[in-house]
Amino acid sequence: MKLAMLAALAVVMVPVSASATMLERQAGRAIRNAGHWCGRVSYMTVDTKVSTPKRRVVLVTCDDGTRYEQYSLVLTADNKISSIEKK
């Protein structure tokens, strides 16, 4: 019974993990393309205090073990990046 539950959990978690990894890669690529440093995205979260339905702010932390930077990505209602600000 426990084995079946673990197998079901693994099937559910793989797509979530793959989706999160893809979003982290896209955020890192957008930051680098804007001319900022981002070795590896270590954490991402939506800033609920300043976000609105038409303007979502995502806090992104880039950390490679030797360097640490934080950025705010401002997304429009159609999930396009409108600005990237270094914190």
PDB file of N, CA and C in Angstrom:
ATOM      1  N   MET A   1       0.827  -1.198   0.000  1.00  0.00           N
ATOM      2  CA  MET A   1       0.000   0.000   0.000  1.00  0.00           C
ATOM      3  C   MET A   1       0.866   1.255   0.000  1.00  0.00           C
ATOM      4  N   LYS A   2       1.877   1.279   0.876  1.00  0.00           N
ATOM      5  CA  LYS A   2       2.759   2.445   0.947  1.00  0.00           C
ATOM      6  C   LYS A   2       3.527   2.628  -0.358  1.00  0.00           C
ATOM      7  N   LEU A   3       3.933   1.507  -0.953  1.00  0.00           N
ATOM      8  CA  LEU A   3       4.681   1.580  -2.206  1.00  0.00           C
ATOM      9  C   LEU A   3       3.820   2.189  -3.316  1.00  0.00           C
ATOM     10  N   ALA A   4       2.553   1.816  -3.365  1.00  0.00           N
ATOM     11  CA  ALA A   4       1.654   2.371  -4.378  1.00  0.00           C
ATOM     12  C   ALA A   4       1.454   3.869  -4.165  1.00  0.00           C
ATOM     13  N   MET A   5       1.351   4.290  -2.908  1.00  0.00           N
ATOM     14  CA  MET A   5       1.189   5.711  -2.616  1.00  0.00           C
ATOM     15  C   MET A   5       2.437   6.493  -3.000  1.00  0.00           C
ATOM     16  N   LEU A   6       3.612   5.931  -2.722  1.00  0.00           N
ATOM     17  CA  LEU A   6       4.863   6.594  -3.096  1.00  0.00           C
ATOM     18  C   LEU A   6       4.999   6.694  -4.609  1.00  0.00           C
ATOM     19  N   ALA A   7       4.609   5.643  -5.316  1.00  0.00           N
ATOM     20  CA  ALA A   7       4.684   5.667  -6.778  1.00  0.00           C
ATOM     21  C   ALA A   7       3.738   6.725  -7.346  1.00  0.00           C
ATOM     22  N   ALA A   8       2.534   6.823  -6.786  1.00  0.00           N
ATOM     23  CA  ALA A   8       1.581   7.836  -7.247  1.00  0.00           C
ATOM     24  C   ALA A   8       2.099   9.235  -6.960  1.00  0.00           C
ATOM     25  N   LEU A   9       2.708   9.430  -5.803  1.00  0.00           N
ATOM     26  CA  LEU A   9       3.274  10.726  -5.452  1.00  0.00           C
ATOM     27  C   LEU A   9       4.410  11.096  -6.400  1.00  0.00           C
ATOM     28  N   ALA A  10       5.242  10.130  -6.751  1.00  0.00           N
ATOM     29  CA  ALA A  10       6.353  10.387  -7.670  1.00  0.00           C
ATOM     30  C   ALA A  10       5.835  10.800  -9.046  1.00  0.00           C
ATOM     31  N   VAL A  11       4.769  10.175  -9.508  1.00  0.00           N
ATOM     32  CA  VAL A  11       4.193  10.518 -10.811  1.00  0.00           C
ATOM     33  C   VAL A  11       3.645  11.941 -10.791  1.00  0.00           C
ATOM     34  N   VAL A  12       3.051  12.344  -9.681  1.00  0.00           N
ATOM     35  CA  VAL A  12       2.492  13.687  -9.564  1.00  0.00           C
ATOM     36  C   VAL A  12       3.594  14.725  -9.429  1.00  0.00           C
ATOM     37  N   MET A  13       4.642  14.440  -8.697  1.00  0.00           N
ATOM     38  CA  MET A  13       5.691  15.414  -8.414  1.00  0.00           C
ATOM     39  C   MET A  13       6.611  15.671  -9.603  1.00  0.00           C
ATOM     40  N   VAL A  14       6.815  14.724 -10.475  1.00  0.00           N
ATOM     41  CA  VAL A  14       7.736  14.908 -11.594  1.00  0.00           C
ATOM     42  C   VAL A  14       7.305  16.051 -12.505  1.00  0.00           C
ATOM     43  N   PRO A  15       6.044  16.131 -12.939  1.00  0.00           N
ATOM     44  CA  PRO A  15       5.660  17.267 -13.794  1.00  0.00           C
ATOM     45  C   PRO A  15       5.789  18.612 -13.092  1.00  0.00           C
ATOM     46  N   VAL A  16       5.470  18.670 -11.802  1.00  0.00           N
ATOM     47  CA  VAL A  16       5.592  19.924 -11.061  1.00  0.00           C
ATOM     48  C   VAL A  16       7.051  20.341 -11.008  1.00  0.00           C
ATOM     49  N   SER A  17       7.927  19.407 -10.715  1.00  0.00           N
ATOM     50  CA  SER A  17       9.352  19.701 -10.641  1.00  0.00           C
ATOM     51  C   SER A  17       9.896  20.130 -12.004  1.00  0.00           C
ATOM     52  N   ALA A  18       9.488  19.448 -13.056  1.00  0.00           N
ATOM     53  CA  ALA A  18       9.958  19.791 -14.399  1.00  0.00           C
ATOM     54  C   ALA A  18       9.456  21.171 -14.805  1.00  0.00           C
ATOM     55  N   SER A  19       8.221  21.478 -14.455  1.00  0.00           N
ATOM     56  CA  SER A  19       7.652  22.787 -14.774  1.00  0.00           C
ATOM     57  C   SER A  19       8.380  23.895 -14.018  1.00  0.00           C
ATOM     58  N   ALA A  20       8.660  23.671 -12.741  1.00  0.00           N
ATOM     59  CA  ALA A  20       9.371  24.665 -11.937  1.00  0.00           C
ATOM     60  C   ALA A  20      10.779  24.881 -12.474  1.00  0.00           C
ATOM     61  N   THR A  21      11.445  23.812 -12.863  1.00  0.00           N
ATOM     62  CA  THR A  21      12.792  23.919 -13.417  1.00  0.00           C
ATOM     63  C   THR A  21      12.774  24.723 -14.712  1.00  0.00           C
ATOM     64  N   MET A  22      11.774  24.507 -15.545  1.00  0.00           N
ATOM     65  CA  MET A  22      11.665  25.245 -16.801  1.00  0.00           C
ATOM     66  C   MET A  22      11.461  26.739 -16.534  1.00  0.00           C
ATOM     67  N   LEU A  23      10.605  27.078 -15.562  1.00  0.00           N
ATOM     68  CA  LEU A  23      10.373  28.481 -15.230  1.00  0.00           C
ATOM     69  C   LEU A  23      11.633  29.133 -14.669  1.00  0.00           C
ATOM     70  N   GLU A  24      12.393  28.392 -13.851  1.00  0.00           N
ATOM     71  CA  GLU A  24      13.648  28.926 -13.316  1.00  0.00           C
ATOM     72  C   GLU A  24      14.640  29.197 -14.436  1.00  0.00           C
ATOM     73  N   ARG A  25      14.730  28.296 -15.395  1.00  0.00           N
ATOM     74  CA  ARG A  25      15.641  28.500 -16.532  1.00  0.00           C
ATOM     75  C   ARG A  25      15.234  29.710 -17.354  1.00  0.00           C
ATOM     76  N   GLN A  26      13.932  29.861 -17.598  1.00  0.00           N
ATOM     77  CA  GLN A  26      13.450  31.001 -18.377  1.00  0.00           C
ATOM     78  C   GLN A  26      13.730  32.312 -17.653  1.00  0.00           C
ATOM     79  N   ALA A  27      13.530  32.339 -16.338  1.00  0.00           N
ATOM     80  CA  ALA A  27      13.795  33.558 -15.566  1.00  0.00           C
ATOM     81  C   ALA A  27      15.281  33.889 -15.598  1.00  0.00           C
ATOM     82  N   GLY A  28      16.137  32.890 -15.406  1.00  0.00           N
ATOM     83  CA  GLY A  28      17.580  33.115 -15.457  1.00  0.00           C
ATOM     84  C   GLY A  28      18.030  33.621 -16.815  1.00  0.00           C
ATOM     85  N   ARG A  29      17.482  33.051 -17.867  1.00  0.00           N
ATOM     86  CA  ARG A  29      17.831  33.472 -19.230  1.00  0.00           C
ATOM     87  C   ARG A  29      17.386  34.913 -19.479  1.00  0.00           C
ATOM     88  N   ALA A  30      16.192  35.277 -19.022  1.00  0.00           N
ATOM     89  CA  ALA A  30      15.693  36.647 -19.204  1.00  0.00           C
ATOM     90  C   ALA A  30      16.565  37.644 -18.453  1.00  0.00           C
ATOM     91  N   ILE A  31      16.996  37.289 -17.255  1.00  0.00           N
ATOM     92  CA  ILE A  31      17.862  38.169 -16.460  1.00  0.00           C
ATOM     93  C   ILE A  31      19.200  38.359 -17.158  1.00  0.00           C
ATOM     94  N   ARG A  32      19.794  37.265 -17.636  1.00  0.00           N
ATOM     95  CA  ARG A  32      21.085  37.361 -18.335  1.00  0.00           C
ATOM     96  C   ARG A  32      20.950  38.143 -19.639  1.00  0.00           C
ATOM     97  N   ASN A  33      19.865  37.938 -20.379  1.00  0.00           N
ATOM     98  CA  ASN A  33      19.657  38.666 -21.635  1.00  0.00           C
ATOM     99  C   ASN A  33      19.479  40.160 -21.410  1.00  0.00           C
ATOM    100  N   ALA A  34      19.035  40.543 -20.216  1.00  0.00           N
ATOM    101  CA  ALA A  34      18.885  41.963 -19.885  1.00  0.00           C
ATOM    102  C   ALA A  34      20.207  42.573 -19.426  1.00  0.00           C
ATOM    103  N   GLY A  35      21.270  41.774 -19.391  1.00  0.00           N
ATOM    104  CA  GLY A  35      22.591  42.285 -19.040  1.00  0.00           C
ATOM    105  C   GLY A  35      22.968  42.138 -17.582  1.00  0.00           C
ATOM    106  N   HIS A  36      22.164  41.416 -16.814  1.00  0.00           N
ATOM    107  CA  HIS A  36      22.461  41.201 -15.402  1.00  0.00           C
ATOM    108  C   HIS A  36      23.123  39.841 -15.217  1.00  0.00           C
ATOM    109  N   TRP A  37      23.689  39.640 -14.022  1.00  0.00           N
ATOM    110  CA  TRP A  37      24.305  38.353 -13.706  1.00  0.00           C
ATOM    111  C   TRP A  37      23.273  37.427 -13.077  1.00  0.00           C
ATOM    112  N   CYS A  38      23.264  36.181 -13.499  1.00  0.00           N
ATOM    113  CA  CYS A  38      22.468  35.142 -12.849  1.00  0.00           C
ATOM    114  C   CYS A  38      23.091  33.799 -13.194  1.00  0.00           C
ATOM    115  N   GLY A  39      23.918  33.300 -12.281  1.00  0.00           N
ATOM    116  CA  GLY A  39      24.573  32.022 -12.507  1.00  0.00           C
ATOM    117  C   GLY A  39      23.600  30.860 -12.434  1.00  0.00           C
ATOM    118  N   ARG A  40      22.772  30.856 -11.386  1.00  0.00           N
ATOM    119  CA  ARG A  40      21.780  29.794 -11.199  1.00  0.00           C
ATOM    120  C   ARG A  40      20.652  30.349 -10.344  1.00  0.00           C
ATOM    121  N   VAL A  41      19.425  30.116 -10.760  1.00  0.00           N
ATOM    122  CA  VAL A  41      18.270  30.550  -9.968  1.00  0.00           C
ATOM    123  C   VAL A  41      18.106  29.569  -8.816  1.00  0.00           C
ATOM    124  N   SER A  42      18.203  30.092  -7.591  1.00  0.00           N
ATOM    125  CA  SER A  42      18.068  29.220  -6.431  1.00  0.00           C
ATOM    126  C   SER A  42      16.706  29.337  -5.763  1.00  0.00           C
ATOM    127  N   TYR A  43      15.967  30.423  -6.040  1.00  0.00           N
ATOM    128  CA  TYR A  43      14.660  30.599  -5.397  1.00  0.00           C
ATOM    129  C   TYR A  43      13.821  31.590  -6.194  1.00  0.00           C
ATOM    130  N   MET A  44      12.530  31.293  -6.321  1.00  0.00           N
ATOM    131  CA  MET A  44      11.580  32.198  -6.980  1.00  0.00           C
ATOM    132  C   MET A  44      10.288  32.207  -6.177  1.00  0.00           C
ATOM    133  N   THR A  45       9.692  33.390  -6.034  1.00  0.00           N
ATOM    134  CA  THR A  45       8.399  33.491  -5.368  1.00  0.00           C
ATOM    135  C   THR A  45       7.666  34.733  -5.860  1.00  0.00           C
ATOM    136  N   VAL A  46       6.356  34.697  -5.815  1.00  0.00           N
ATOM    137  CA  VAL A  46       5.545  35.857  -6.188  1.00  0.00           C
ATOM    138  C   VAL A  46       5.467  36.786  -4.985  1.00  0.00           C
ATOM    139  N   ASP A  47       5.739  38.064  -5.202  1.00  0.00           N
ATOM    140  CA  ASP A  47       5.641  39.069  -4.140  1.00  0.00           C
ATOM    141  C   ASP A  47       4.177  39.495  -4.041  1.00  0.00           C
ATOM    142  N   THR A  48       3.456  38.880  -3.125  1.00  0.00           N
ATOM    143  CA  THR A  48       2.016  39.118  -3.008  1.00  0.00           C
ATOM    144  C   THR A  48       1.687  40.496  -2.450  1.00  0.00           C
ATOM    145  N   LYS A  49       2.633  41.146  -1.803  1.00  0.00           N
ATOM    146  CA  LYS A  49       2.372  42.463  -1.215  1.00  0.00           C
ATOM    147  C   LYS A  49       2.231  43.554  -2.270  1.00  0.00           C
ATOM    148  N   VAL A  50       2.953  43.447  -3.364  1.00  0.00           N
ATOM    149  CA  VAL A  50       2.922  44.496  -4.391  1.00  0.00           C
ATOM    150  C   VAL A  50       2.309  44.032  -5.710  1.00  0.00           C
ATOM    151  N   SER A  51       1.976  42.755  -5.815  1.00  0.00           N
ATOM    152  CA  SER A  51       1.399  42.232  -7.055  1.00  0.00           C
ATOM    153  C   SER A  51      -0.087  42.546  -7.149  1.00  0.00           C
ATOM    154  N   THR A  52      -0.532  42.743  -8.383  1.00  0.00           N
ATOM    155  CA  THR A  52      -1.951  42.928  -8.687  1.00  0.00           C
ATOM    156  C   THR A  52      -2.301  41.955  -9.812  1.00  0.00           C
ATOM    157  N   PRO A  53      -3.580  41.779 -10.126  1.00  0.00           N
ATOM    158  CA  PRO A  53      -3.918  40.871 -11.233  1.00  0.00           C
ATOM    159  C   PRO A  53      -3.323  41.299 -12.580  1.00  0.00           C
ATOM    160  N   LYS A  54      -3.145  42.589 -12.791  1.00  0.00           N
ATOM    161  CA  LYS A  54      -2.592  43.062 -14.065  1.00  0.00           C
ATOM    162  C   LYS A  54      -1.080  43.217 -14.032  1.00  0.00           C
ATOM    163  N   ARG A  55      -0.488  43.213 -12.847  1.00  0.00           N
ATOM    164  CA  ARG A  55       0.960  43.430 -12.695  1.00  0.00           C
ATOM    165  C   ARG A  55       1.472  42.510 -11.593  1.00  0.00           C
ATOM    166  N   ARG A  56       2.112  41.419 -11.993  1.00  0.00           N
ATOM    167  CA  ARG A  56       2.620  40.454 -11.025  1.00  0.00           C
ATOM    168  C   ARG A  56       4.122  40.654 -10.859  1.00  0.00           C
ATOM    169  N   VAL A  57       4.580  40.686  -9.620  1.00  0.00           N
ATOM    170  CA  VAL A  57       5.998  40.860  -9.319  1.00  0.00           C
ATOM    171  C   VAL A  57       6.533  39.539  -8.775  1.00  0.00           C
ATOM    172  N   VAL A  58       7.588  39.030  -9.412  1.00  0.00           N
ATOM    173  CA  VAL A  58       8.212  37.780  -9.003  1.00  0.00           C
ATOM    174  C   VAL A  58       9.611  38.097  -8.496  1.00  0.00           C
ATOM    175  N   LEU A  59       9.905  37.658  -7.273  1.00  0.00           N
ATOM    176  CA  LEU A  59      11.240  37.831  -6.709  1.00  0.00           C
ATOM    177  C   LEU A  59      12.084  36.622  -7.085  1.00  0.00           C
ATOM    178  N   VAL A  60      13.242  36.878  -7.675  1.00  0.00           N
ATOM    179  CA  VAL A  60      14.129  35.813  -8.136  1.00  0.00           C
ATOM    180  C   VAL A  60      15.470  35.968  -7.436  1.00  0.00           C
ATOM    181  N   THR A  61      15.957  34.878  -6.856  1.00  0.00           N
ATOM    182  CA  THR A  61      17.263  34.871  -6.209  1.00  0.00           C
ATOM    183  C   THR A  61      18.212  34.035  -7.051  1.00  0.00           C
ATOM    184  N   CYS A  62      19.345  34.631  -7.419  1.00  0.00           N
ATOM    185  CA  CYS A  62      20.386  33.931  -8.167  1.00  0.00           C
ATOM    186  C   CYS A  62      21.566  33.720  -7.224  1.00  0.00           C
ATOM    187  N   ASP A  63      22.026  32.483  -7.126  1.00  0.00           N
ATOM    188  CA  ASP A  63      23.096  32.155  -6.187  1.00  0.00           C
ATOM    189  C   ASP A  63      23.868  30.967  -6.736  1.00  0.00           C
ATOM    190  N   ASP A  64      25.172  31.136  -6.910  1.00  0.00           N
ATOM    191  CA  ASP A  64      25.991  30.019  -7.370  1.00  0.00           C
ATOM    192  C   ASP A  64      26.969  29.539  -6.304  1.00  0.00           C
ATOM    193  N   GLY A  65      26.805  29.993  -5.072  1.00  0.00           N
ATOM    194  CA  GLY A  65      27.687  29.585  -3.990  1.00  0.00           C
ATOM    195  C   GLY A  65      28.769  30.598  -3.699  1.00  0.00           C
ATOM    196  N   THR A  66      29.105  31.439  -4.670  1.00  0.00           N
ATOM    197  CA  THR A  66      30.122  32.472  -4.462  1.00  0.00           C
ATOM    198  C   THR A  66      29.558  33.874  -4.623  1.00  0.00           C
ATOM    199  N   ARG A  67      28.461  33.990  -5.338  1.00  0.00           N
ATOM    200  CA  ARG A  67      27.852  35.293  -5.597  1.00  0.00           C
ATOM    201  C   ARG A  67      26.345  35.183  -5.399  1.00  0.00           C
ATOM    202  N   TYR A  68      25.733  36.271  -4.910  1.00  0.00           N
ATOM    203  CA  TYR A  68      24.314  36.273  -4.565  1.00  0.00           C
ATOM    204  C   TYR A  68      23.680  37.564  -5.060  1.00  0.00           C
ATOM    205  N   GLU A  69      22.623  37.468  -5.843  1.00  0.00           N
ATOM    206  CA  GLU A  69      21.897  38.644  -6.337  1.00  0.00           C
ATOM    207  C   GLU A  69      20.401  38.355  -6.281  1.00  0.00           C
ATOM    208  N   GLN A  70      19.617  39.412  -6.076  1.00  0.00           N
ATOM    209  CA  GLN A  70      18.163  39.298  -6.109  1.00  0.00           C
ATOM    210  C   GLN A  70      17.600  40.274  -7.127  1.00  0.00           C
ATOM    211  N   TYR A  71      16.551  39.838  -7.820  1.00  0.00           N
ATOM    212  CA  TYR A  71      15.911  40.646  -8.845  1.00  0.00           C
ATOM    213  C   TYR A  71      14.399  40.594  -8.673  1.00  0.00           C
ATOM    214  N   SER A  72      13.739  41.656  -9.126  1.00  0.00           N
ATOM    215  CA  SER A  72      12.277  41.691  -9.217  1.00  0.00           C
ATOM    216  C   SER A  72      11.917  41.676 -10.684  1.00  0.00           C
ATOM    217  N   LEU A  73      11.172  40.677 -11.102  1.00  0.00           N
ATOM    218  CA  LEU A  73      10.667  40.603 -12.465  1.00  0.00           C
ATOM    219  C   LEU A  73       9.215  41.050 -12.432  1.00  0.00           C
ATOM    220  N   VAL A  74       8.884  42.060 -13.214  1.00  0.00           N
ATOM    221  CA  VAL A  74       7.511  42.553 -13.288  1.00  0.00           C
ATOM    222  C   VAL A  74       6.881  41.958 -14.540  1.00  0.00           C
ATOM    223  N   LEU A  75       5.790  41.212 -14.337  1.00  0.00           N
ATOM    224  CA  LEU A  75       5.101  40.544 -15.436  1.00  0.00           C
ATOM    225  C   LEU A  75       3.764  41.218 -15.705  1.00  0.00           C
ATOM    226  N   THR A  76       3.404  41.318 -16.974  1.00  0.00           N
ATOM    227  CA  THR A  76       2.104  41.867 -17.350  1.00  0.00           C
ATOM    228  C   THR A  76       1.035  40.782 -17.195  1.00  0.00           C
ATOM    229  N   ALA A  77      -0.205  41.122 -17.481  1.00  0.00           N
ATOM    230  CA  ALA A  77      -1.313  40.172 -17.338  1.00  0.00           C
ATOM    231  C   ALA A  77      -1.166  38.961 -18.255  1.00  0.00           C
ATOM    232  N   ASP A  78      -0.481  39.126 -19.398  1.00  0.00           N
ATOM    233  CA  ASP A  78      -0.275  38.001 -20.316  1.00  0.00           C
ATOM    234  C   ASP A  78       1.079  37.319 -20.106  1.00  0.00           C
ATOM    235  N   ASN A  79       1.671  37.483 -18.902  1.00  0.00           N
ATOM    236  CA  ASN A  79       2.917  36.833 -18.475  1.00  0.00           C
ATOM    237  C   ASN A  79       4.136  37.210 -19.308  1.00  0.00           C
ATOM    238  N   LYS A  80       4.163  38.413 -19.827  1.00  0.00           N
ATOM    239  CA  LYS A  80       5.348  38.945 -20.512  1.00  0.00           C
ATOM    240  C   LYS A  80       6.124  39.793 -19.512  1.00  0.00           C
ATOM    241  N   ILE A  81       7.452  39.697 -19.546  1.00  0.00           N
ATOM    242  CA  ILE A  81       8.283  40.473 -18.627  1.00  0.00           C
ATOM    243  C   ILE A  81       8.321  41.920 -19.102  1.00  0.00           C
ATOM    244  N   SER A  82       7.881  42.832 -18.236  1.00  0.00           N
ATOM    245  CA  SER A  82       7.906  44.250 -18.604  1.00  0.00           C
ATOM    246  C   SER A  82       9.139  44.947 -18.051  1.00  0.00           C
ATOM    247  N   SER A  83       9.679  44.468 -16.925  1.00  0.00           N
ATOM    248  CA  SER A  83      10.913  45.058 -16.404  1.00  0.00           C
ATOM    249  C   SER A  83      11.609  44.090 -15.457  1.00  0.00           C
ATOM    250  N   ILE A  84      12.923  44.290 -15.340  1.00  0.00           N
ATOM    251  CA  ILE A  84      13.751  43.527 -14.409  1.00  0.00           C
ATOM    252  C   ILE A  84      14.526  44.536 -13.586  1.00  0.00           C
ATOM    253  N   GLU A  85      14.366  44.464 -12.272  1.00  0.00           N
ATOM    254  CA  GLU A  85      15.035  45.404 -11.378  1.00  0.00           C
ATOM    255  C   GLU A  85      15.917  44.636 -10.403  1.00  0.00           C
ATOM    256  N   LYS A  86      17.144  45.107 -10.255  1.00  0.00           N
ATOM    257  CA  LYS A  86      18.051  44.508  -9.279  1.00  0.00           C
ATOM    258  C   LYS A  86      17.701  45.047  -7.905  1.00  0.00           C
ATOM    259  N   LYS A  87      17.634  44.184  -6.925  1.00  0.00           N
ATOM    260  CA  LYS A  87      17.294  44.597  -5.554  1.00  0.00           C
ATOM    261  C   LYS A  87      18.531  44.951  -4.778  1.00  0.00           C
TER     262      LYS A  87
END
